[in-house]
């Protein structure tokens, strides 16, 4: 049995078969390792463990009794996991399954965002790969949120497997012959008017869905947190006005996707479906439109080629998507009302964009300082006319 110490943790590697023949010697080895590394956090790596009998389980139980909290068993194969689950050990130990290995090297990319890249595995399945092992909690959280949204009636793809791709991890989704709305627009497979109609219909379906407080994070609170991050870029007056505008908003139960740009909407058959559900939250739809404005308008202000590099469409097409989506969603409003709605959306979008500039490599790019200055100018301009931020009462 191998042991090693890494980052102050004792790693014990369980290998081969553990049964009545070798359980006593395994117990002795584990006891000795614990004694020589007293006080260390203990993790058992079961990647090479093929089988464990009741005798081996009793060894683990003896070890477990000497610790106050459940021990961690990582890289557990499906067969060994079945044994642990059947015997109730998954209730006593923190058991983490081994992840199926895949290669994405030759897979076509169908979407790329700040946090992950989406690949097509085959006509029926896609995988969204996040960078690094730290992404696993994010993947598991997205899966839980997608399940809640699905039960509430929002059409979404739910991950059925977590896989490992090299040093990275990803979620696998089943989407039968699905294409993103962005692909359809880019290839001009359908008239844009038809796509926008489906798109705004999905937006309204999401925004007509109510959840309980606590089911998803509050978008109002998320943007209040954003304000703290971008505080250094704002005057005291700007900071207080923005904070008061956010605090005076109703903290509603309306579902907001948060990143519903067309790369995250897929057409499966005749049904529009959402992916990238880790951004879900609750709040006014102004937060939704702020995200869309950043994607289709804000980035292009100082970098006209951004739409082509990120969305593979010219900025003129991005402008058209934004304007048509806005017009269709608020199609029963007057021009005066739309002007006020757009001002609110642009102000919330400015907070979001400034936060992105502050917390990503965008800040250090050639356009970083220019974008920050322009965004601050927009905030100063919009604060002169915006007296509240909600748009929910208008749709």
Protein backbone atom coordinates (compact mmCIF):
# COMPACT_ATOMS: atom_id res chain seq x y z
CA UNK A 1 0.00 0.00 0.00
CA UNK A 2 1.37 3.40 -1.00
CA UNK A 3 1.09 6.61 1.00
CA UNK A 4 2.16 10.17 0.27
CA UNK A 5 1.78 13.62 1.78
CA UNK A 6 0.65 16.53 -0.35
CA UNK A 7 -0.35 20.04 0.75
CA UNK A 8 -0.52 18.90 4.35
CA UNK A 9 -2.83 15.98 3.51
CA UNK A 10 -2.09 12.29 3.93
CA UNK A 11 -3.00 10.37 0.78
CA UNK A 12 -3.46 6.61 1.16
CA UNK A 13 -3.71 4.61 -2.07
CA UNK A 14 -5.91 1.51 -2.00
CA UNK A 15 -5.04 -0.95 -4.79
CA UNK A 16 -6.08 -4.32 -6.20
CA UNK A 17 -8.35 -6.41 -4.00
CA UNK A 18 -8.94 -6.01 -0.28
CA UNK A 19 -10.46 -9.16 1.24
CA UNK A 20 -10.05 -11.53 4.19
CA UNK A 21 -6.61 -12.65 2.97
CA UNK A 22 -4.93 -9.25 3.14
CA UNK A 23 -7.27 -7.13 5.30
CA UNK A 24 -5.16 -7.60 8.50
CA UNK A 25 -1.96 -6.42 6.79
CA UNK A 26 -3.79 -3.51 5.13
CA UNK A 27 -5.14 -2.49 8.54
CA UNK A 28 -1.66 -2.58 10.00
CA UNK A 29 -0.27 -0.47 7.15
CA UNK A 30 -3.04 2.13 7.46
CA UNK A 31 -2.67 2.33 11.26
CA UNK A 32 1.07 2.82 10.88
CA UNK A 33 0.60 5.56 8.27
CA UNK A 34 -1.87 7.39 10.49
CA UNK A 35 0.44 7.17 13.50
CA UNK A 36 3.40 8.60 11.58
CA UNK A 37 1.29 11.44 10.11
CA UNK A 38 -0.79 12.30 13.16
CA UNK A 39 -3.06 15.32 12.81
CA UNK A 40 -3.05 15.30 9.02
CA UNK A 41 -6.21 15.35 6.92
CA UNK A 42 -6.65 11.88 5.41
CA UNK A 43 -7.82 11.02 1.89
CA UNK A 44 -8.11 7.52 0.45
CA UNK A 45 -7.47 7.25 -3.30
CA UNK A 46 -9.31 4.22 -4.72
CA UNK A 47 -8.45 4.69 -8.38
CA UNK A 48 -6.69 1.30 -8.56
CA UNK A 49 -9.00 -0.51 -6.13
CA UNK A 50 -10.76 -3.32 -8.00
CA UNK A 51 -12.73 -4.94 -5.17
CA UNK A 52 -13.33 -4.65 -1.43
CA UNK A 53 -14.98 -7.33 0.69
CA UNK A 54 -16.75 -7.08 4.03
CA UNK A 55 -13.39 -7.69 5.73
CA UNK A 56 -11.96 -4.64 3.95
CA UNK A 57 -15.00 -2.59 4.85
CA UNK A 58 -14.50 -3.45 8.52
CA UNK A 59 -10.96 -2.07 8.28
CA UNK A 60 -12.29 1.23 6.95
CA UNK A 61 -14.93 1.30 9.69
CA UNK A 62 -12.25 0.96 12.37
CA UNK A 63 -10.35 3.85 10.83
CA UNK A 64 -13.51 5.92 10.55
CA UNK A 65 -14.26 5.61 14.28
CA UNK A 66 -11.07 7.47 15.14
CA UNK A 67 -12.12 10.56 13.17
CA UNK A 68 -14.78 13.14 13.98
CA UNK A 69 -15.91 13.72 10.41
CA UNK A 70 -16.42 11.39 7.42
CA UNK A 71 -13.29 10.25 5.63
CA UNK A 72 -12.91 11.00 1.94
CA UNK A 73 -12.64 8.20 -0.65
CA UNK A 74 -11.79 9.60 -4.08
CA UNK A 75 -11.60 8.11 -7.59
CA UNK A 76 -13.93 5.25 -6.67
CA UNK A 77 -14.82 3.00 -9.61
CA UNK A 78 -18.47 2.35 -10.40
CA UNK A 79 -18.21 -1.29 -9.25
CA UNK A 80 -16.63 -0.39 -5.92
CA UNK A 81 -19.11 2.47 -5.49
CA UNK A 82 -21.98 -0.01 -5.88
CA UNK A 83 -20.51 -2.09 -3.03
CA UNK A 84 -20.13 0.99 -0.80
CA UNK A 85 -23.64 2.23 -1.61
CA UNK A 86 -25.29 -1.16 -1.04
CA UNK A 87 -23.63 -1.54 2.36
CA UNK A 88 -24.44 2.01 3.47
CA UNK A 89 -20.85 3.22 3.43
CA UNK A 90 -21.75 6.21 1.26
CA UNK A 91 -23.60 7.56 4.31
CA UNK A 92 -20.52 7.21 6.53
CA UNK A 93 -17.80 8.27 4.10
CA UNK A 94 -17.46 11.13 1.62
CA UNK A 95 -17.32 8.89 -1.47
CA UNK A 96 -16.38 10.48 -4.79
CA UNK A 97 -16.67 8.48 -7.99
CA UNK A 98 -13.90 8.30 -10.56
CA UNK A 99 -14.71 10.29 -13.66
CA UNK A 100 -14.87 8.78 -17.13
CA UNK A 101 -11.94 9.92 -19.26
CA UNK A 102 -12.62 11.52 -22.66
CA UNK A 103 -10.53 13.40 -25.21
CA UNK A 104 -11.83 16.65 -26.71
CA UNK A 105 -8.79 17.24 -28.89
CA UNK A 106 -10.53 16.42 -32.17
CA UNK A 107 -14.09 17.36 -31.19
CA UNK A 108 -15.79 20.31 -32.92
CA UNK A 109 -16.35 23.37 -30.74
CA UNK A 110 -19.94 24.63 -30.76
CA UNK A 111 -19.61 27.31 -28.10
CA UNK A 112 -17.05 29.12 -25.98
CA UNK A 113 -17.60 31.36 -22.97
CA UNK A 114 -15.74 32.88 -20.02
CA UNK A 115 -15.88 29.73 -17.92
CA UNK A 116 -16.01 26.82 -20.34
CA UNK A 117 -15.98 25.44 -23.86
CA UNK A 118 -18.78 23.32 -25.34
CA UNK A 119 -17.83 20.44 -27.66
CA UNK A 120 -20.01 18.10 -29.68
CA UNK A 121 -19.19 14.47 -28.84
CA UNK A 122 -21.60 13.00 -31.38
CA UNK A 123 -24.96 13.96 -32.96
CA UNK A 124 -26.76 13.21 -29.68
CA UNK A 125 -24.40 14.49 -26.98
CA UNK A 126 -22.36 17.56 -26.08
CA UNK A 127 -19.87 18.23 -23.28
CA UNK A 128 -19.15 21.53 -21.56
CA UNK A 129 -15.56 21.53 -20.27
CA UNK A 130 -14.44 23.83 -17.48
CA UNK A 131 -10.82 24.61 -16.66
CA UNK A 132 -9.23 22.82 -13.71
CA UNK A 133 -10.34 20.50 -10.93
CA UNK A 134 -11.82 23.41 -8.97
CA UNK A 135 -14.66 23.39 -11.53
CA UNK A 136 -16.25 20.23 -10.08
CA UNK A 137 -18.33 22.09 -7.44
CA UNK A 138 -19.43 24.50 -10.19
CA UNK A 139 -20.48 21.58 -12.41
CA UNK A 140 -22.40 19.90 -9.60
CA UNK A 141 -24.10 23.18 -8.68
CA UNK A 142 -25.12 23.79 -12.29
CA UNK A 143 -26.63 20.31 -12.42
CA UNK A 144 -28.72 20.96 -9.29
CA UNK A 145 -29.92 24.32 -10.61
CA UNK A 146 -30.82 22.85 -14.00
CA UNK A 147 -32.90 20.16 -12.31
CA UNK A 148 -34.84 22.77 -10.33
CA UNK A 149 -35.45 24.84 -13.46
CA UNK A 150 -36.57 21.78 -15.42
CA UNK A 151 -39.06 20.80 -12.72
CA UNK A 152 -40.38 24.38 -12.77
CA UNK A 153 -41.14 24.06 -16.48
CA UNK A 154 -38.12 25.74 -18.07
CA UNK A 155 -36.85 23.66 -21.01
CA UNK A 156 -33.22 22.81 -20.31
CA UNK A 157 -30.72 20.06 -20.88
CA UNK A 158 -29.70 18.25 -17.69
CA UNK A 159 -26.24 16.80 -17.28
CA UNK A 160 -26.21 13.02 -16.85
CA UNK A 161 -22.47 12.51 -16.39
CA UNK A 162 -19.32 14.29 -15.21
CA UNK A 163 -16.20 13.44 -17.20
CA UNK A 164 -12.52 14.25 -17.12
CA UNK A 165 -10.77 15.70 -20.17
CA UNK A 166 -7.04 15.78 -19.48
CA UNK A 167 -6.61 18.06 -16.45
CA UNK A 168 -10.07 19.55 -16.90
CA UNK A 169 -13.61 18.41 -16.07
CA UNK A 170 -16.91 18.68 -17.87
CA UNK A 171 -20.64 17.95 -17.94
CA UNK A 172 -22.18 15.71 -20.60
CA UNK A 173 -25.63 16.58 -21.95
CA UNK A 174 -27.94 14.72 -24.30
CA UNK A 175 -29.25 17.07 -26.99
CA UNK A 176 -30.59 15.20 -30.00
CA UNK A 177 -29.26 16.87 -33.14
CA UNK A 178 -29.50 20.24 -31.43
CA UNK A 179 -27.93 23.43 -32.76
CA UNK A 180 -27.38 26.72 -30.97
CA UNK A 181 -29.42 29.71 -32.07
CA UNK A 182 -26.08 31.36 -32.70
CA UNK A 183 -25.14 28.67 -35.23
CA UNK A 184 -28.48 29.05 -37.00
CA UNK A 185 -28.09 32.84 -37.21
CA UNK A 186 -24.45 32.60 -38.29
CA UNK A 187 -25.28 30.16 -41.09
CA UNK A 188 -28.49 32.00 -42.01
CA UNK A 189 -30.39 28.71 -41.92
CA UNK A 190 -33.64 30.48 -41.04
CA UNK A 191 -34.91 34.07 -41.36
CA UNK A 192 -33.73 36.09 -38.38
CA UNK A 193 -37.30 37.21 -37.69
CA UNK A 194 -38.33 33.59 -37.04
CA UNK A 195 -35.41 32.99 -34.68
CA UNK A 196 -36.09 36.20 -32.74
CA UNK A 197 -39.73 35.20 -32.28
CA UNK A 198 -38.69 31.87 -30.75
CA UNK A 199 -36.00 33.59 -28.74
CA UNK A 200 -38.28 36.17 -27.14
CA UNK A 201 -40.91 33.51 -26.49
CA UNK A 202 -38.31 31.59 -24.48
CA UNK A 203 -37.25 34.76 -22.65
CA UNK A 204 -40.82 35.43 -21.57
CA UNK A 205 -41.30 31.81 -20.51
CA UNK A 206 -38.25 32.09 -18.25
CA UNK A 207 -39.38 35.45 -16.86
CA UNK A 208 -42.89 34.20 -16.17
CA UNK A 209 -41.48 31.41 -14.00
CA UNK A 210 -41.52 32.04 -10.25
CA UNK A 211 -39.40 30.18 -7.72
CA UNK A 212 -39.10 30.28 -3.95
CA UNK A 213 -36.56 32.62 -2.42
CA UNK A 214 -33.42 30.62 -1.78
CA UNK A 215 -33.95 28.25 -4.72
CA UNK A 216 -31.54 30.40 -6.75
CA UNK A 217 -29.29 33.31 -5.76
CA UNK A 218 -30.63 36.87 -5.71
CA UNK A 219 -29.54 38.94 -8.70
CA UNK A 220 -30.09 42.13 -6.76
CA UNK A 221 -27.63 40.95 -4.11
CA UNK A 222 -25.23 39.75 -6.81
CA UNK A 223 -25.13 43.25 -8.31
CA UNK A 224 -24.75 44.84 -4.90
CA UNK A 225 -21.68 42.64 -4.51
CA UNK A 226 -20.51 43.78 -7.95
CA UNK A 227 -20.68 47.37 -6.72
CA UNK A 228 -18.25 46.59 -3.91
CA UNK A 229 -15.83 45.11 -6.43
CA UNK A 230 -15.93 48.12 -8.77
CA UNK A 231 -16.01 50.69 -5.94
CA UNK A 232 -12.62 52.19 -6.85
CA UNK A 233 -13.89 53.20 -10.30
CA UNK A 234 -16.88 55.15 -8.96
CA UNK A 235 -17.21 58.48 -7.21
CA UNK A 236 -18.88 58.46 -3.80
CA UNK A 237 -21.99 59.99 -5.36
CA UNK A 238 -22.16 57.41 -8.17
CA UNK A 239 -21.65 54.53 -5.74
CA UNK A 240 -24.40 55.71 -3.38
CA UNK A 241 -26.89 56.37 -6.21
CA UNK A 242 -26.31 52.96 -7.78
CA UNK A 243 -26.52 51.25 -4.41
CA UNK A 244 -29.81 52.98 -3.57
CA UNK A 245 -31.29 52.13 -6.97
CA UNK A 246 -30.49 48.46 -6.37
CA UNK A 247 -31.68 48.47 -2.75
CA UNK A 248 -34.99 50.06 -3.81
CA UNK A 249 -35.71 47.24 -6.28
CA UNK A 250 -38.13 44.51 -5.21
CA UNK A 251 -36.14 41.35 -4.52
CA UNK A 252 -38.50 39.29 -6.66
CA UNK A 253 -38.90 35.58 -7.38
CA UNK A 254 -38.71 35.83 -11.17
CA UNK A 255 -36.22 33.44 -12.77
CA UNK A 256 -33.32 35.11 -14.60
CA UNK A 257 -30.91 33.00 -16.64
CA UNK A 258 -28.20 35.65 -16.54
CA UNK A 259 -26.35 34.70 -19.74
CA UNK A 260 -29.09 33.88 -22.21
CA UNK A 261 -27.22 35.05 -25.33
CA UNK A 262 -27.83 32.83 -28.37
CA UNK A 263 -24.84 30.55 -27.82
CA UNK A 264 -26.63 29.30 -24.69
CA UNK A 265 -29.95 28.57 -26.42
CA UNK A 266 -30.26 25.39 -28.47
CA UNK A 267 -32.92 24.24 -30.87
CA UNK A 268 -33.66 20.55 -30.35
CA UNK A 269 -36.28 19.55 -32.90
CA UNK A 270 -38.83 22.35 -32.62
CA UNK A 271 -38.05 23.18 -28.99
CA UNK A 272 -35.76 25.94 -27.75
CA UNK A 273 -33.70 24.76 -24.76
CA UNK A 274 -31.35 26.51 -22.36
CA UNK A 275 -27.85 25.41 -21.43
CA UNK A 276 -25.25 26.96 -19.07
CA UNK A 277 -27.57 27.02 -16.08
CA UNK A 278 -24.90 27.94 -13.50
CA UNK A 279 -25.82 31.63 -13.93
CA UNK A 280 -29.47 31.17 -12.84
CA UNK A 281 -30.83 33.56 -10.27
CA UNK A 282 -33.94 35.42 -9.14
CA UNK A 283 -34.75 39.04 -9.83
CA UNK A 284 -36.08 41.58 -12.27
CA UNK A 285 -35.63 40.83 -16.01
CA UNK A 286 -33.51 43.99 -16.23
CA UNK A 287 -30.60 41.79 -15.14
CA UNK A 288 -31.28 39.48 -18.10
CA UNK A 289 -31.31 42.30 -20.60
CA UNK A 290 -28.20 43.82 -19.05
CA UNK A 291 -26.35 40.59 -19.83
CA UNK A 292 -27.63 40.62 -23.42
CA UNK A 293 -26.67 44.27 -23.85
CA UNK A 294 -23.12 43.54 -22.67
CA UNK A 295 -22.78 40.64 -25.12
CA UNK A 296 -24.29 42.25 -28.20
CA UNK A 297 -23.54 45.95 -27.67
CA UNK A 298 -21.11 46.83 -24.87
CA UNK A 299 -18.18 44.72 -26.06
CA UNK A 300 -18.51 46.12 -29.57
CA UNK A 301 -18.32 49.79 -28.55
CA UNK A 302 -14.52 49.87 -28.46
CA UNK A 303 -13.87 46.63 -30.34
CA UNK A 304 -16.06 46.31 -33.45
CA UNK A 305 -14.48 42.93 -34.27
CA UNK A 306 -15.49 41.40 -30.93
CA UNK A 307 -18.77 39.99 -32.25
CA UNK A 308 -16.89 38.18 -35.00
CA UNK A 309 -14.32 36.68 -32.62
CA UNK A 310 -16.81 35.72 -29.87
CA UNK A 311 -20.03 35.04 -31.79
CA UNK A 312 -18.66 34.51 -35.33
CA UNK A 313 -21.07 37.15 -36.65
CA UNK A 314 -20.39 40.75 -37.75
CA UNK A 315 -21.23 43.57 -35.36
CA UNK A 316 -24.04 44.67 -37.69
CA UNK A 317 -25.73 41.31 -37.12
CA UNK A 318 -25.18 41.59 -33.34
CA UNK A 319 -26.80 45.04 -33.44
CA UNK A 320 -29.74 43.59 -35.34
CA UNK A 321 -30.18 40.73 -32.84
CA UNK A 322 -30.17 43.13 -29.90
CA UNK A 323 -32.59 45.61 -31.46
CA UNK A 324 -35.03 42.99 -32.73
CA UNK A 325 -35.01 41.12 -29.39
CA UNK A 326 -35.63 44.34 -27.46
CA UNK A 327 -38.39 45.45 -29.86
CA UNK A 328 -40.18 42.08 -29.89
CA UNK A 329 -40.03 41.63 -26.13
CA UNK A 330 -41.42 45.13 -25.48
CA UNK A 331 -43.49 45.25 -28.66
CA UNK A 332 -46.59 46.69 -26.98
CA UNK A 333 -44.73 49.66 -25.44
CA UNK A 334 -44.53 53.20 -26.75
CA UNK A 335 -41.30 54.72 -28.03
CA UNK A 336 -41.11 56.88 -24.90
CA UNK A 337 -41.44 53.84 -22.63
CA UNK A 338 -38.83 51.93 -24.62
CA UNK A 339 -36.39 54.80 -24.25
CA UNK A 340 -36.75 54.70 -20.47
CA UNK A 341 -36.48 50.89 -20.43
CA UNK A 342 -33.29 51.01 -22.47
CA UNK A 343 -31.73 53.56 -20.12
CA UNK A 344 -32.35 51.26 -17.14
CA UNK A 345 -30.95 48.26 -18.99
CA UNK A 346 -27.85 50.20 -20.07
CA UNK A 347 -27.18 51.35 -16.51
CA UNK A 348 -27.38 47.83 -15.08
CA UNK A 349 -25.29 46.60 -18.03
CA UNK A 350 -22.63 49.19 -17.19
CA UNK A 351 -22.33 47.75 -13.67
CA UNK A 352 -22.00 44.25 -15.10
CA UNK A 353 -19.46 45.27 -17.73
CA UNK A 354 -17.32 47.21 -15.26
CA UNK A 355 -17.35 44.15 -12.99
CA UNK A 356 -16.20 41.92 -15.89
CA UNK A 357 -13.44 44.37 -16.73
CA UNK A 358 -12.28 44.43 -13.11
CA UNK A 359 -12.34 40.67 -12.47
CA UNK A 360 -11.00 39.20 -15.72
CA UNK A 361 -7.98 39.61 -17.98
CA UNK A 362 -10.02 42.18 -19.94
CA UNK A 363 -8.74 44.77 -17.48
CA UNK A 364 -5.16 44.20 -18.62
CA UNK A 365 -5.90 44.16 -22.35
CA UNK A 366 -5.00 47.02 -24.69
CA UNK A 367 -8.59 48.25 -24.47
CA UNK A 368 -8.93 47.82 -20.70
CA UNK A 369 -8.44 51.45 -19.63
CA UNK A 370 -10.46 52.80 -22.55
CA UNK A 371 -13.39 50.50 -21.79
CA UNK A 372 -13.35 51.40 -18.11
CA UNK A 373 -13.39 55.14 -18.88
CA UNK A 374 -16.22 54.79 -21.40
CA UNK A 375 -18.27 52.68 -18.98
CA UNK A 376 -17.81 55.26 -16.21
CA UNK A 377 -18.96 57.97 -18.63
CA UNK A 378 -22.11 55.96 -19.42
CA UNK A 379 -22.86 55.54 -15.71
CA UNK A 380 -22.47 59.28 -15.13
CA UNK A 381 -24.75 60.07 -18.07
CA UNK A 382 -27.47 57.53 -17.22
CA UNK A 383 -27.65 58.40 -13.52
CA UNK A 384 -29.00 61.83 -14.54
CA UNK A 385 -32.21 60.30 -15.94
CA UNK A 386 -32.76 56.86 -14.36
CA UNK A 387 -34.90 56.93 -11.21
CA UNK A 388 -35.49 53.17 -10.81
CA UNK A 389 -34.23 49.97 -12.43
CA UNK A 390 -37.20 47.60 -12.80
CA UNK A 391 -38.53 46.56 -16.18
CA UNK A 392 -40.79 43.73 -14.94
CA UNK A 393 -43.83 45.98 -14.67
CA UNK A 394 -43.52 46.77 -18.36
CA UNK A 395 -43.45 43.39 -20.07
